[in-house]
Protein backbone atom coordinates (compact mmCIF):
# COMPACT_ATOMS: atom_id res chain seq x y z
CA MET A 1 -1.94 -37.62 -83.44
CA THR A 2 -4.05 -35.04 -81.67
CA SER A 3 -7.27 -36.52 -83.08
CA LEU A 4 -6.41 -39.96 -81.71
CA ALA A 5 -5.76 -38.49 -78.29
CA SER A 6 -8.99 -36.52 -78.33
CA ASN A 7 -10.93 -39.59 -79.55
CA SER A 8 -9.55 -41.69 -76.73
CA LEU A 9 -10.79 -39.09 -74.28
CA LEU A 10 -14.39 -39.33 -75.48
CA ILE A 11 -16.63 -40.44 -72.68
CA MET A 12 -19.04 -43.20 -73.57
CA GLU A 13 -22.38 -42.69 -71.83
CA THR A 14 -24.62 -45.66 -71.08
CA TYR A 15 -28.22 -45.23 -72.19
CA ILE A 16 -31.39 -47.27 -72.06
CA ALA A 17 -33.78 -47.08 -75.01
CA PHE A 18 -37.36 -48.24 -75.24
CA LEU A 19 -38.78 -48.77 -78.71
CA ARG A 20 -42.55 -48.38 -78.87
CA GLY A 21 -44.69 -50.96 -80.58
CA ILE A 22 -42.27 -53.43 -82.14
CA ASN A 23 -42.97 -57.17 -82.27
CA VAL A 24 -46.50 -56.66 -80.90
CA SER A 25 -49.27 -58.76 -82.49
CA GLY A 26 -47.04 -59.53 -85.46
CA GLN A 27 -46.56 -55.84 -86.29
CA LYS A 28 -43.25 -54.08 -86.93
CA LYS A 29 -41.22 -57.24 -86.54
CA ILE A 30 -37.53 -56.85 -85.81
CA LYS A 31 -35.21 -59.62 -84.65
CA MET A 32 -33.04 -58.32 -81.83
CA ALA A 33 -29.85 -59.62 -83.50
CA ASP A 34 -30.75 -57.61 -86.63
CA LEU A 35 -31.52 -54.55 -84.53
CA ARG A 36 -28.14 -54.76 -82.80
CA LEU A 37 -26.36 -54.96 -86.19
CA SER A 38 -28.37 -52.02 -87.50
CA LEU A 39 -27.52 -49.83 -84.52
CA GLU A 40 -23.86 -50.84 -84.57
CA LYS A 41 -23.72 -49.38 -88.10
CA MET A 42 -24.63 -45.96 -86.68
CA GLY A 43 -21.80 -46.15 -84.16
CA LEU A 44 -23.53 -47.30 -81.00
CA GLY A 45 -21.47 -49.61 -78.82
CA ASN A 46 -21.94 -52.45 -76.34
CA ILE A 47 -25.57 -52.96 -77.43
CA ARG A 48 -27.58 -55.38 -75.32
CA THR A 49 -31.25 -56.24 -75.73
CA TYR A 50 -33.85 -57.69 -73.41
CA ILE A 51 -36.78 -59.71 -74.74
CA GLN A 52 -38.30 -58.95 -78.13
CA SER A 53 -40.26 -55.80 -77.27
CA GLY A 54 -37.54 -53.24 -77.93
CA ASN A 55 -35.54 -52.77 -74.75
CA LEU A 56 -31.94 -51.72 -75.37
CA VAL A 57 -28.88 -50.78 -73.40
CA PHE A 58 -26.10 -49.17 -75.39
CA GLN A 59 -23.19 -46.79 -75.18
CA SER A 60 -22.59 -43.64 -77.18
CA ASN A 61 -20.31 -40.65 -76.98
CA SER A 62 -23.29 -38.40 -77.75
CA GLN A 63 -24.64 -36.34 -74.88
CA ASN A 64 -27.91 -35.48 -76.65
CA LYS A 65 -30.71 -38.00 -76.07
CA ALA A 66 -33.11 -36.26 -78.46
CA VAL A 67 -30.58 -36.52 -81.30
CA LEU A 68 -29.94 -40.18 -80.47
CA GLU A 69 -33.70 -40.89 -80.45
CA GLU A 70 -34.05 -39.36 -83.92
CA GLN A 71 -30.95 -41.15 -85.27
CA ILE A 72 -32.21 -44.53 -84.01
CA THR A 73 -35.67 -43.88 -85.48
CA GLN A 74 -34.09 -43.00 -88.84
CA GLN A 75 -31.75 -46.02 -88.78
CA ILE A 76 -34.66 -48.39 -88.09
CA ALA A 77 -36.72 -46.79 -90.89
CA LYS A 78 -33.77 -47.17 -93.27
CA ASP A 79 -33.00 -50.80 -92.38
CA PHE A 80 -36.49 -52.16 -91.60
CA GLY A 81 -38.86 -49.95 -93.59
CA PHE A 82 -41.00 -48.49 -90.81
CA GLU A 83 -40.76 -45.82 -88.16
CA VAL A 84 -40.58 -46.70 -84.50
CA PRO A 85 -40.87 -44.11 -81.73
CA VAL A 86 -37.86 -44.24 -79.39
CA ILE A 87 -37.53 -43.01 -75.82
CA ILE A 88 -34.04 -42.85 -74.37
CA THR A 89 -33.27 -42.53 -70.69
CA SER A 90 -30.36 -43.22 -68.38
CA PRO A 91 -29.79 -45.93 -65.76
CA ASN A 92 -29.75 -43.19 -63.12
CA ALA A 93 -33.14 -41.84 -64.28
CA ILE A 94 -34.67 -45.33 -64.09
CA GLN A 95 -33.21 -45.83 -60.63
CA GLN A 96 -34.78 -42.53 -59.56
CA ILE A 97 -38.15 -43.55 -61.03
CA LEU A 98 -38.06 -46.82 -59.11
CA GLU A 99 -37.03 -45.10 -55.86
CA HIS A 100 -39.87 -42.57 -56.16
CA ASN A 101 -42.56 -45.11 -57.05
CA PRO A 102 -45.61 -44.01 -55.04
CA PHE A 103 -46.97 -47.57 -55.17
CA LYS A 104 -43.89 -49.44 -53.91
CA ALA A 105 -45.69 -50.39 -50.69
CA GLN A 106 -48.23 -52.31 -52.78
CA ASP A 107 -47.94 -55.46 -54.92
CA LEU A 108 -45.03 -54.54 -57.21
CA ALA A 109 -46.17 -57.07 -59.82
CA ARG A 110 -49.10 -54.72 -60.48
CA CYS A 111 -46.94 -51.61 -60.97
CA TYR A 112 -46.27 -50.27 -64.45
CA PHE A 113 -44.20 -47.36 -65.64
CA VAL A 114 -45.25 -45.28 -68.63
CA PHE A 115 -42.25 -43.38 -69.99
CA LEU A 116 -43.12 -40.05 -71.58
CA LYS A 117 -41.13 -38.68 -74.51
CA ASN A 118 -41.84 -35.08 -73.50
CA ASN A 119 -43.11 -33.26 -70.43
CA PRO A 120 -46.90 -33.14 -70.58
CA ASP A 121 -48.68 -29.79 -70.57
CA PRO A 122 -49.90 -28.89 -67.04
CA GLU A 123 -53.42 -28.36 -68.37
CA HIS A 124 -53.50 -31.91 -69.75
CA ILE A 125 -52.19 -33.24 -66.44
CA ASP A 126 -54.94 -31.42 -64.54
CA GLN A 127 -57.57 -32.90 -66.88
CA PHE A 128 -56.02 -36.35 -66.56
CA TYR A 129 -56.27 -36.23 -62.78
CA GLN A 130 -60.05 -35.93 -63.19
CA LEU A 131 -60.14 -39.48 -64.57
CA LYS A 132 -61.16 -42.26 -62.22
CA TYR A 133 -61.03 -45.96 -63.01
CA GLU A 134 -61.99 -48.77 -60.69
CA ASN A 135 -59.00 -50.82 -59.50
CA GLU A 136 -56.53 -48.39 -61.09
CA GLN A 137 -54.40 -45.65 -59.60
CA PHE A 138 -51.85 -43.35 -61.20
CA HIS A 139 -49.37 -40.61 -60.47
CA ILE A 140 -47.89 -38.30 -63.12
CA THR A 141 -44.40 -36.80 -63.22
CA ASP A 142 -42.60 -35.00 -66.04
CA SER A 143 -41.08 -38.20 -67.41
CA CYS A 144 -43.25 -41.04 -66.12
CA VAL A 145 -46.81 -42.01 -65.33
CA TYR A 146 -46.82 -44.53 -62.50
CA LEU A 147 -49.69 -47.00 -62.83
CA TYR A 148 -51.03 -49.39 -60.27
CA CYS A 149 -53.42 -51.86 -61.90
CA ASN A 150 -55.07 -53.98 -59.24
CA ALA A 151 -56.64 -56.28 -61.87
CA GLY A 152 -53.49 -56.35 -64.04
CA TYR A 153 -52.37 -54.22 -66.97
CA GLY A 154 -54.10 -56.40 -69.56
CA LYS A 155 -57.49 -55.42 -68.15
CA ALA A 156 -56.59 -51.79 -67.39
CA LYS A 157 -58.55 -48.94 -68.92
CA LEU A 158 -55.58 -46.67 -68.15
CA ASN A 159 -53.36 -48.06 -70.87
CA ASN A 160 -50.56 -46.59 -72.97
CA ASN A 161 -52.89 -45.44 -75.79
CA LEU A 162 -55.23 -43.62 -73.40
CA ILE A 163 -52.32 -41.94 -71.64
CA GLU A 164 -50.90 -40.75 -74.97
CA GLN A 165 -54.30 -39.48 -76.05
CA LYS A 166 -55.05 -37.60 -72.84
CA LEU A 167 -51.56 -36.19 -72.14
CA LYS A 168 -50.83 -35.61 -75.85
CA VAL A 169 -47.32 -37.06 -75.66
CA MET A 170 -45.76 -40.22 -77.05
CA ALA A 171 -45.27 -42.88 -74.37
CA THR A 172 -44.28 -46.48 -73.87
CA THR A 173 -45.02 -48.76 -70.92
CA ARG A 174 -42.77 -51.21 -69.11
CA ASN A 175 -43.23 -53.38 -66.03
CA LEU A 176 -41.01 -53.50 -62.97
CA ARG A 177 -39.23 -56.68 -64.03
CA THR A 178 -38.17 -55.11 -67.33
CA LEU A 179 -36.80 -52.01 -65.62
CA GLN A 180 -34.85 -54.11 -63.13
CA LYS A 181 -33.39 -56.17 -65.96
CA MET A 182 -32.42 -53.02 -67.89
CA LEU A 183 -30.55 -51.71 -64.85
CA GLU A 184 -28.80 -55.06 -64.52
CA LEU A 185 -27.76 -54.98 -68.21
CA ALA A 186 -26.55 -51.38 -67.84
CA ASP A 187 -24.34 -52.21 -64.84
């Protein structure tokens, strides 16, 4: 009886996960319904997805995001046959990122948010700040690179691959609309 009581006291945390590089150009295809079933098998609850590019809201009693990231990566590899990098954050962290957007006074449709799996090395950040690209601005924090792409992200030189290469951390990019929708799903 004690185990039931202690299980009922487990606090379910709400998390937001971004999967990097699924359903892009026909690569690493995963149907969201199949993904939800796969992740339910590992004990995640109340899983909701947004569009096909790997945006998830879920609940777990785990307090360790790094462990959850690894477990989701392993579950996807087991069920779908390929590895997918996963970045997990919280609704509160996304809200903070949006509130501290240095470009919020500009056209928000041209703002992008590059989520970093790990804190970049200060030396790499210093080198990155030496980069200059016409029509593009950026600001780096420990968990996010804010991008402002005046000509749109599709034409940006400062893209996810370049950011990963220069900062030497895994990253994934989302637009403002996606982040707002994830917060709505998490509420």
